[in-house]
Amino acid sequence: MNKFVKRLITTTVALLGLVTFATTTASAKSTTSTKSTAKATAVINKTTYKAVYKIAKAHLGARYVYGATGPSAFDCSGFTSYVYNHGADFTLPRTAQAQYNANKHVTYAHIKKGDLVFFGTSKWAISHVGLYVGKGQMIDAQNRGVVKEAVHAPW
């Protein structure tokens, strides 16, 4: 297991009546979170992030198909699973909820490039996930396909 897998992050923040959560891949589960805060640990390393980002960027414009896992079509969690598997040789759980459940959580102020950003009405009802790429932007698969957009944009 490489250093990347050992260092993880997740973020939680309230947003427009939804709850937004962010995380990278994790080896430990966390059940401690609230609508606006959670606990933090480390960060994805720069080299691994670049590899994950390169895979994500290469798939911009791919179609959205519910349940699809790539490479020509994705749903949100299929996309994040694909980019981590191909960019970091790390397997994420298949669904957005399972990816959220598998990770530790921090405040949104501590989000880093490569973290996964989760959306839902509560920590038990995660319905969307995207890859944080910095400067308030994420790459995610949603009804318009794989796009780069603001984390706070309506998806």
Protein backbone atom coordinates (compact mmCIF):
# COMPACT_ATOMS: atom_id res chain seq x y z
CA MET A 1 0.00 0.00 0.00
CA ASN A 2 1.53 3.36 -1.00
CA LYS A 3 1.74 6.57 1.06
CA PHE A 4 -1.31 7.97 -0.75
CA VAL A 5 -3.55 5.22 0.55
CA LYS A 6 -2.35 5.82 4.11
CA ARG A 7 -3.08 9.57 3.98
CA LEU A 8 -6.71 10.56 3.67
CA ILE A 9 -9.15 13.44 4.00
CA THR A 10 -12.88 14.13 4.02
CA THR A 11 -14.85 17.31 4.29
CA THR A 12 -18.34 18.17 5.39
CA VAL A 13 -20.17 21.48 4.86
CA ALA A 14 -23.78 22.64 4.67
CA LEU A 15 -24.80 23.96 1.24
CA LEU A 16 -28.12 25.26 -0.09
CA GLY A 17 -30.23 22.90 1.99
CA LEU A 18 -28.11 19.95 0.94
CA VAL A 19 -25.13 18.63 2.77
CA THR A 20 -21.82 18.61 0.91
CA PHE A 21 -19.12 16.20 1.97
CA ALA A 22 -15.60 15.72 0.59
CA THR A 23 -13.05 12.96 0.96
CA THR A 24 -10.18 11.09 -0.56
CA THR A 25 -9.88 7.35 -0.41
CA ALA A 26 -9.62 6.01 3.10
CA SER A 27 -8.50 2.92 4.87
CA ALA A 28 -10.45 3.71 8.04
CA LYS A 29 -14.15 4.31 8.54
CA SER A 30 -15.55 7.29 10.39
CA THR A 31 -18.98 7.59 11.86
CA THR A 32 -18.28 10.96 13.46
CA SER A 33 -19.71 13.79 11.43
CA THR A 34 -22.38 16.46 11.53
CA LYS A 35 -23.97 18.67 8.93
CA SER A 36 -21.14 21.19 9.15
CA THR A 37 -18.08 19.55 10.68
CA ALA A 38 -16.15 16.33 11.05
CA LYS A 39 -12.66 15.08 11.87
CA ALA A 40 -9.57 15.45 9.66
CA THR A 41 -6.41 13.58 8.85
CA ALA A 42 -3.91 13.82 6.01
CA VAL A 43 -3.80 14.57 2.29
CA ILE A 44 -3.23 12.87 -1.10
CA ASN A 45 0.36 13.36 -2.29
CA LYS A 46 1.09 15.60 -5.28
CA THR A 47 2.31 12.85 -7.62
CA THR A 48 -0.73 10.67 -7.02
CA TYR A 49 -3.09 13.64 -7.40
CA LYS A 50 -1.54 14.49 -10.78
CA ALA A 51 -2.11 10.93 -12.01
CA VAL A 52 -5.72 10.88 -10.78
CA TYR A 53 -6.37 14.36 -12.24
CA LYS A 54 -4.89 13.34 -15.60
CA ILE A 55 -7.32 10.41 -15.84
CA ALA A 56 -10.26 12.59 -14.74
CA LYS A 57 -9.42 15.36 -17.21
CA ALA A 58 -9.06 12.85 -20.06
CA HIS A 59 -12.68 11.79 -19.52
CA LEU A 60 -14.25 15.26 -19.57
CA GLY A 61 -17.22 15.08 -21.90
CA ALA A 62 -17.88 11.36 -21.35
CA ARG A 63 -21.58 10.47 -21.25
CA TYR A 64 -23.57 9.97 -18.04
CA VAL A 65 -25.30 6.62 -17.70
CA TYR A 66 -26.68 5.51 -14.34
CA GLY A 67 -24.65 2.54 -13.10
CA ALA A 68 -21.87 3.00 -15.69
CA THR A 69 -18.26 2.59 -14.60
CA GLY A 70 -16.41 3.78 -17.72
CA PRO A 71 -14.46 4.32 -19.77
CA SER A 72 -16.93 5.83 -22.27
CA ALA A 73 -19.80 6.48 -19.82
CA PHE A 74 -20.02 6.95 -16.05
CA ASP A 75 -22.31 7.66 -13.17
CA CYS A 76 -20.85 9.78 -10.36
CA SER A 77 -19.41 7.02 -8.20
CA GLY A 78 -18.39 4.97 -11.23
CA PHE A 79 -16.34 7.97 -12.35
CA THR A 80 -14.56 8.48 -9.01
CA SER A 81 -13.92 4.74 -8.72
CA TYR A 82 -12.50 4.68 -12.24
CA VAL A 83 -10.14 7.65 -11.83
CA TYR A 84 -8.77 6.38 -8.50
CA ASN A 85 -8.36 2.84 -9.83
CA HIS A 86 -6.59 3.94 -13.02
CA GLY A 87 -4.71 6.95 -11.62
CA ALA A 88 -3.72 5.69 -8.19
CA ASP A 89 -4.22 1.92 -8.42
CA PHE A 90 -6.66 2.21 -5.53
CA THR A 91 -10.10 0.62 -5.42
CA LEU A 92 -12.97 2.70 -4.06
CA PRO A 93 -16.33 1.23 -3.08
CA ARG A 94 -18.89 1.29 -5.91
CA THR A 95 -21.57 3.72 -4.67
CA ALA A 96 -21.37 7.34 -3.47
CA GLN A 97 -22.78 6.30 -0.08
CA ALA A 98 -20.25 3.48 0.29
CA GLN A 99 -17.39 5.80 -0.73
CA TYR A 100 -18.53 8.30 1.90
CA ASN A 101 -18.86 5.61 4.56
CA ALA A 102 -15.32 4.35 3.85
CA ASN A 103 -13.61 7.66 4.61
CA LYS A 104 -12.70 10.04 7.42
CA HIS A 105 -14.23 13.53 7.51
CA VAL A 106 -12.91 17.08 7.97
CA THR A 107 -14.22 20.61 7.59
CA TYR A 108 -14.57 22.07 4.10
CA ALA A 109 -11.82 24.57 4.94
CA HIS A 110 -9.32 21.68 4.88
CA ILE A 111 -10.26 20.21 1.50
CA LYS A 112 -7.32 19.41 -0.78
CA LYS A 113 -6.91 18.52 -4.44
CA GLY A 114 -7.83 14.89 -5.00
CA ASP A 115 -10.46 14.79 -2.25
CA LEU A 116 -13.88 13.43 -3.05
CA VAL A 117 -16.77 15.86 -2.62
CA PHE A 118 -20.06 14.29 -1.54
CA PHE A 119 -23.60 15.64 -1.74
CA GLY A 120 -26.73 14.48 0.01
CA THR A 121 -29.42 15.41 2.47
CA SER A 122 -27.58 13.77 5.39
CA LYS A 123 -24.61 11.52 6.07
CA TRP A 124 -26.99 8.57 5.62
CA ALA A 125 -28.37 9.81 2.29
CA ILE A 126 -25.37 10.57 0.05
CA SER A 127 -26.53 10.86 -3.54
CA HIS A 128 -23.60 12.36 -5.49
CA VAL A 129 -19.79 12.45 -5.49
CA GLY A 130 -17.15 14.38 -7.45
CA LEU A 131 -13.35 14.84 -7.48
CA TYR A 132 -12.08 18.12 -5.98
CA VAL A 133 -9.49 19.69 -8.31
CA GLY A 134 -8.75 22.93 -6.46
CA LYS A 135 -9.95 26.54 -6.45
CA GLY A 136 -13.50 25.53 -5.57
CA GLN A 137 -13.80 23.27 -8.66
CA MET A 138 -14.59 19.59 -9.06
CA ILE A 139 -14.85 17.12 -11.90
CA ASP A 140 -17.92 14.94 -11.65
CA ALA A 141 -20.24 12.77 -13.71
CA GLN A 142 -23.81 14.00 -13.70
CA ASN A 143 -26.73 14.29 -16.10
CA ARG A 144 -24.69 16.52 -18.47
CA GLY A 145 -21.88 13.96 -18.52
CA VAL A 146 -18.41 14.36 -17.02
CA VAL A 147 -17.84 18.08 -16.42
CA LYS A 148 -15.60 20.45 -14.49
CA GLU A 149 -17.67 22.84 -12.39
CA ALA A 150 -17.81 24.75 -9.13
CA VAL A 151 -18.33 22.59 -6.05
CA HIS A 152 -21.22 24.86 -5.09
CA ALA A 153 -22.83 24.77 -8.56
CA PRO A 154 -26.23 23.10 -8.74
CA TRP A 155 -25.67 19.69 -10.29
